[in-house]
Amino acid sequence: MLAENKWGTDMVERVNVNVKDFIAEVALSRPDKMNALDLKMFAAISEAGEALKGRKDVRVVILYGQGENFCAGIDTAVFGDMIARINEVRAEMLAPGEGNVANIFQKPAHVWQELEMPVIAALNGAVFGGGAQIALGADFRFASADTKISIMESKWGLIPDMGITQNLPKLVRADQAKELMMTARILNSDEALSMGLISRICDDPMAEARRFAAELAARSPEAMQGVKRLVEDAWTATPARSLKLEATLQAEIIASENQIEAVMANVQKRAPKFK
């Protein structure tokens, strides 16, 4: 396949994009870390999505993780960096930047909904926290039988804030959404399918994603784009309002006493003592 990376070495190490026969395959490329999200990964995923916007040679996108896991969520080493510059981080949360409704932390999940063409996520292994939110940003999710999904942010004393308001309400009831977000419960593929979090369970999610992508790529791109826009516009609230709420709540929570306690309790493998 034709390599399409146009970033520096750090970006290439985090995400790879290949295009062939009108299908772009976007790989999270940090398998030794279960494709966990560090700051370079956040930037690389966002740039990969942005680079695909408006491309006439791409009609369908497949998003997957290299190795045995799709994405295990945030790299815990990021917490230390964020706390060290917490005022800057809060400012980044609350100021998406000119022309954006999603901030730099929301962009890796929301950018797939901004793409005009359909996006298929091929899932396996861990799909946790930010990884789950990225997967939920796709139009379709094909999962292996061993896939485990969790909206895990509450484990770390946080709320999910990577575009969760733009995708979860389309898939589950409000009480189910609250339960998943409040408990950080890990779902197996069967339960995730029954709740609507994944589209189908496959013996080989990547092979099925490629087959389905080829089917969609063979149809009118304007029709595929039109269907996606029709559903997105009808099913979702205004992004600016709901994404802003995510950012506002998270800016208040992050680096608070209880959030730091959640991180420390996990790292020290003990029960947290919240105030």
Protein backbone atom coordinates (compact mmCIF):
# COMPACT_ATOMS: atom_id res chain seq x y z
CA MET A 1 0.00 0.00 0.00
CA LEU A 2 0.99 3.58 -0.53
CA ALA A 3 2.30 5.25 2.59
CA GLU A 4 0.65 8.62 3.11
CA ASN A 5 2.34 9.99 6.24
CA LYS A 6 3.41 13.61 5.80
CA TRP A 7 4.38 14.36 9.40
CA GLY A 8 7.65 14.26 11.30
CA THR A 9 9.12 11.12 12.84
CA ASP A 10 7.03 11.40 16.02
CA MET A 11 3.81 11.42 14.03
CA VAL A 12 4.83 8.45 11.89
CA GLU A 13 5.65 6.50 15.04
CA ARG A 14 2.13 7.05 16.37
CA VAL A 15 -0.17 6.79 13.32
CA ASN A 16 0.21 5.35 9.83
CA VAL A 17 -2.13 6.11 6.91
CA ASN A 18 -2.27 4.05 3.74
CA VAL A 19 -4.59 4.61 0.77
CA LYS A 20 -5.52 2.11 -1.91
CA ASP A 21 -8.61 1.66 -4.09
CA PHE A 22 -10.41 4.64 -2.49
CA ILE A 23 -9.99 3.20 1.01
CA ALA A 24 -7.77 4.82 3.65
CA GLU A 25 -6.50 2.58 6.43
CA VAL A 26 -5.48 4.51 9.53
CA ALA A 27 -3.44 2.52 12.06
CA LEU A 28 -2.75 3.50 15.66
CA SER A 29 0.89 2.49 15.78
CA ARG A 30 2.03 2.12 19.36
CA PRO A 31 1.42 -1.60 19.91
CA ASP A 32 4.09 -1.97 22.60
CA LYS A 33 1.98 0.40 24.74
CA MET A 34 -1.39 -1.11 23.71
CA ASN A 35 -1.76 2.00 21.50
CA ALA A 36 -2.22 4.12 24.63
CA LEU A 37 -2.78 7.83 24.10
CA ASP A 38 0.13 10.12 24.90
CA LEU A 39 0.19 13.74 23.76
CA LYS A 40 1.94 12.84 20.49
CA MET A 41 -0.74 10.25 19.79
CA PHE A 42 -3.51 12.80 20.41
CA ALA A 43 -1.92 15.12 17.86
CA ALA A 44 -1.16 12.39 15.33
CA ILE A 45 -4.70 10.98 15.29
CA SER A 46 -6.17 14.44 14.86
CA GLU A 47 -3.77 15.27 12.03
CA ALA A 48 -4.52 11.98 10.30
CA GLY A 49 -8.23 12.74 10.31
CA GLU A 50 -7.74 16.32 9.18
CA ALA A 51 -5.50 15.20 6.31
CA LEU A 52 -8.30 12.99 4.93
CA LYS A 53 -10.88 15.76 4.72
CA GLY A 54 -11.93 16.57 1.17
CA ARG A 55 -9.75 13.91 -0.48
CA LYS A 56 -11.36 12.71 -3.70
CA ASP A 57 -9.27 9.52 -3.68
CA VAL A 58 -10.72 8.43 -0.31
CA ARG A 59 -14.31 7.25 -0.09
CA VAL A 60 -14.13 5.11 3.05
CA VAL A 61 -11.83 5.06 6.10
CA ILE A 62 -10.86 2.06 8.23
CA LEU A 63 -9.50 2.87 11.69
CA TYR A 64 -7.66 0.16 13.64
CA GLY A 65 -4.94 -0.49 16.18
CA GLN A 66 -1.76 -2.37 15.41
CA GLY A 67 -1.04 -5.38 17.59
CA GLU A 68 -3.44 -7.12 19.94
CA ASN A 69 -5.38 -4.05 21.15
CA PHE A 70 -7.24 -1.19 19.54
CA CYS A 71 -6.40 1.38 22.23
CA ALA A 72 -6.08 1.02 26.01
CA GLY A 73 -6.91 4.67 26.69
CA ILE A 74 -4.74 7.40 28.05
CA ASP A 75 -1.11 6.71 28.88
CA THR A 76 -0.96 7.29 32.64
CA ALA A 77 2.38 9.08 32.21
CA VAL A 78 0.39 11.92 30.63
CA PHE A 79 -1.22 12.76 33.99
CA GLY A 80 2.08 13.97 35.42
CA ASP A 81 2.75 16.23 32.45
CA MET A 82 -0.77 17.65 32.57
CA ILE A 83 -0.66 18.38 36.29
CA ALA A 84 2.70 20.13 35.89
CA ARG A 85 1.09 22.60 33.46
CA ILE A 86 -2.51 22.41 34.63
CA ASN A 87 -3.41 26.04 33.93
CA GLU A 88 -2.26 25.65 30.33
CA VAL A 89 -4.17 22.37 30.01
CA ARG A 90 -7.37 23.96 31.32
CA ALA A 91 -6.96 26.80 28.83
CA GLU A 92 -6.51 24.27 26.00
CA MET A 93 -9.71 22.50 27.08
CA LEU A 94 -11.76 25.68 27.08
CA ALA A 95 -10.36 27.21 23.87
CA PRO A 96 -10.69 24.83 20.90
CA GLY A 97 -8.94 27.19 18.54
CA GLU A 98 -10.19 29.17 15.60
CA GLY A 99 -12.51 27.21 13.33
CA ASN A 100 -12.86 24.23 15.71
CA VAL A 101 -15.68 23.10 17.98
CA ALA A 102 -13.55 20.30 19.48
CA ASN A 103 -10.52 21.00 21.65
CA ILE A 104 -7.21 19.17 21.23
CA PHE A 105 -8.32 16.33 23.51
CA GLN A 106 -11.72 15.91 21.85
CA LYS A 107 -10.41 16.13 18.30
CA PRO A 108 -9.02 12.56 18.00
CA ALA A 109 -12.54 11.18 18.52
CA HIS A 110 -14.62 13.95 16.94
CA VAL A 111 -12.58 14.29 13.75
CA TRP A 112 -14.04 10.99 12.42
CA GLN A 113 -17.51 12.47 12.67
CA GLU A 114 -16.30 15.57 10.83
CA LEU A 115 -15.15 13.48 7.87
CA GLU A 116 -17.65 13.45 5.00
CA MET A 117 -16.98 9.78 4.16
CA PRO A 118 -17.98 6.74 6.27
CA VAL A 119 -15.52 5.50 8.90
CA ILE A 120 -15.28 1.89 10.06
CA ALA A 121 -13.43 1.00 13.28
CA ALA A 122 -11.98 -2.54 13.42
CA LEU A 123 -11.69 -3.44 17.10
CA ASN A 124 -9.85 -6.08 19.08
CA GLY A 125 -8.50 -6.47 22.59
CA ALA A 126 -8.71 -3.43 24.87
CA VAL A 127 -10.94 -0.54 23.81
CA PHE A 128 -10.77 1.52 26.99
CA GLY A 129 -11.35 5.14 27.98
CA GLY A 130 -10.18 7.46 25.23
CA GLY A 131 -9.85 4.43 22.97
CA ALA A 132 -13.55 3.71 23.41
CA GLN A 133 -14.44 7.31 22.64
CA ILE A 134 -12.33 7.24 19.47
CA ALA A 135 -14.04 4.02 18.39
CA LEU A 136 -17.46 5.52 19.11
CA GLY A 137 -16.58 8.40 16.79
CA ALA A 138 -16.63 5.98 13.84
CA ASP A 139 -19.81 5.25 11.89
CA PHE A 140 -19.43 1.47 12.29
CA ARG A 141 -17.59 -0.74 14.78
CA PHE A 142 -16.63 -4.31 13.86
CA ALA A 143 -15.24 -6.20 16.86
CA SER A 144 -13.57 -9.52 17.53
CA ALA A 145 -15.01 -11.89 20.13
CA ASP A 146 -12.18 -11.00 22.54
CA THR A 147 -12.86 -7.25 22.44
CA LYS A 148 -13.34 -5.54 25.81
CA ILE A 149 -14.90 -2.08 25.95
CA SER A 150 -15.01 0.37 28.86
CA ILE A 151 -15.73 4.06 29.21
CA MET A 152 -13.12 4.10 31.93
CA GLU A 153 -12.55 7.76 32.86
CA SER A 154 -14.38 7.60 36.21
CA LYS A 155 -11.74 5.11 37.39
CA TRP A 156 -9.34 8.04 37.27
CA GLY A 157 -11.78 10.48 38.88
CA LEU A 158 -12.65 12.12 35.56
CA ILE A 159 -15.59 12.37 33.17
CA PRO A 160 -15.33 11.19 29.56
CA ASP A 161 -14.68 14.34 27.55
CA MET A 162 -13.50 13.26 24.09
CA GLY A 163 -16.73 13.85 22.22
CA ILE A 164 -18.85 11.38 24.21
CA THR A 165 -21.85 13.73 23.94
CA GLN A 166 -21.72 13.44 20.15
CA ASN A 167 -21.91 9.66 19.85
CA LEU A 168 -23.11 7.78 22.95
CA PRO A 169 -26.63 9.36 22.91
CA LYS A 170 -27.11 7.91 19.42
CA LEU A 171 -26.41 4.38 20.62
CA VAL A 172 -27.76 3.76 24.14
CA ARG A 173 -30.44 4.94 26.56
CA ALA A 174 -29.63 7.71 29.03
CA ASP A 175 -29.63 5.35 32.03
CA GLN A 176 -27.28 2.96 30.21
CA ALA A 177 -24.95 5.83 29.33
CA LYS A 178 -24.85 7.00 32.94
CA GLU A 179 -24.14 3.49 34.19
CA LEU A 180 -21.30 2.95 31.72
CA MET A 181 -19.72 6.31 32.51
CA MET A 182 -20.21 6.14 36.30
CA THR A 183 -19.02 2.56 36.86
CA ALA A 184 -16.25 2.24 34.21
CA ARG A 185 -17.53 -1.33 33.82
CA ILE A 186 -15.72 -3.48 31.24
CA LEU A 187 -18.08 -5.02 28.69
CA ASN A 188 -17.38 -8.11 26.62
CA SER A 189 -18.22 -8.07 22.93
CA ASP A 190 -21.59 -9.81 23.35
CA GLU A 191 -22.84 -7.28 25.88
CA ALA A 192 -21.45 -4.38 23.86
CA LEU A 193 -23.31 -5.69 20.81
CA SER A 194 -26.58 -6.08 22.71
CA MET A 195 -26.32 -2.48 23.96
CA GLY A 196 -25.53 -1.12 20.51
CA LEU A 197 -21.96 -0.02 21.19
CA ILE A 198 -20.61 -2.20 18.39
CA SER A 199 -22.16 -2.96 14.99
CA ARG A 200 -21.21 -6.62 14.66
CA ILE A 201 -18.90 -9.32 16.03
CA CYS A 202 -16.53 -10.85 13.46
CA ASP A 203 -13.98 -13.64 13.41
CA ASP A 204 -11.65 -11.19 11.64
CA PRO A 205 -12.76 -7.57 12.13
CA MET A 206 -10.12 -6.16 9.78
CA ALA A 207 -11.07 -8.51 6.95
CA GLU A 208 -14.76 -7.72 7.44
CA ALA A 209 -14.01 -3.99 7.58
CA ARG A 210 -12.11 -4.23 4.29
CA ARG A 211 -14.93 -6.18 2.65
CA PHE A 212 -17.56 -3.68 3.82
CA ALA A 213 -15.35 -0.72 2.90
CA ALA A 214 -14.99 -2.07 -0.63
CA GLU A 215 -18.77 -2.37 -0.88
CA LEU A 216 -19.28 1.24 0.23
CA ALA A 217 -16.43 2.53 -1.96
CA ALA A 218 -18.20 1.04 -4.97
CA ARG A 219 -21.27 3.20 -4.37
CA SER A 220 -21.76 6.86 -5.19
CA PRO A 221 -19.52 8.86 -2.82
CA GLU A 222 -22.07 11.70 -2.80
CA ALA A 223 -24.77 9.26 -1.67
CA MET A 224 -22.59 7.81 1.08
CA GLN A 225 -21.61 11.29 2.25
CA GLY A 226 -25.22 12.44 2.07
CA VAL A 227 -26.48 9.55 4.19
CA LYS A 228 -23.81 10.19 6.82
CA ARG A 229 -24.64 13.89 6.99
CA LEU A 230 -28.37 13.19 7.12
CA VAL A 231 -28.02 10.89 10.10
CA GLU A 232 -25.45 13.02 11.91
CA ASP A 233 -27.47 16.21 11.58
CA ALA A 234 -30.68 14.52 12.66
CA TRP A 235 -29.35 12.51 15.58
CA THR A 236 -27.04 14.98 17.36
CA ALA A 237 -27.30 18.24 19.24
CA THR A 238 -25.21 21.28 18.37
CA PRO A 239 -21.56 20.26 18.78
CA ALA A 240 -20.44 23.66 20.07
CA ARG A 241 -22.83 23.44 23.02
CA SER A 242 -22.25 19.86 24.11
CA LEU A 243 -18.49 19.80 23.50
CA LYS A 244 -18.17 23.04 25.47
CA LEU A 245 -19.99 21.39 28.37
CA GLU A 246 -17.54 18.47 28.33
CA ALA A 247 -14.60 20.85 28.41
CA THR A 248 -16.06 23.04 31.15
CA LEU A 249 -16.79 20.10 33.45
CA GLN A 250 -13.40 18.48 32.82
CA ALA A 251 -11.52 21.72 33.42
CA GLU A 252 -13.11 21.89 36.86
CA ILE A 253 -12.37 18.25 37.69
CA ILE A 254 -8.87 17.69 36.34
CA ALA A 255 -6.08 18.02 38.95
CA SER A 256 -8.65 18.44 41.72
CA GLU A 257 -7.87 16.73 45.01
CA ASN A 258 -10.16 13.77 44.34
CA GLN A 259 -8.99 13.33 40.75
CA ILE A 260 -5.35 13.18 41.88
CA GLU A 261 -6.39 10.72 44.59
CA ALA A 262 -8.01 8.49 41.95
CA VAL A 263 -4.77 8.44 39.96
CA MET A 264 -2.57 7.80 43.01
CA ALA A 265 -4.83 5.00 44.29
CA ASN A 266 -4.65 3.24 40.94
CA VAL A 267 -0.88 3.64 40.67
CA GLN A 268 -0.36 2.47 44.28
CA LYS A 269 -2.94 -0.33 43.87
CA ARG A 270 -5.01 0.66 46.91
CA ALA A 271 -8.55 1.79 47.62
CA PRO A 272 -9.03 5.54 47.03
CA LYS A 273 -9.89 7.91 49.89
CA PHE A 274 -12.04 10.62 48.36
CA LYS A 275 -13.14 13.81 50.19
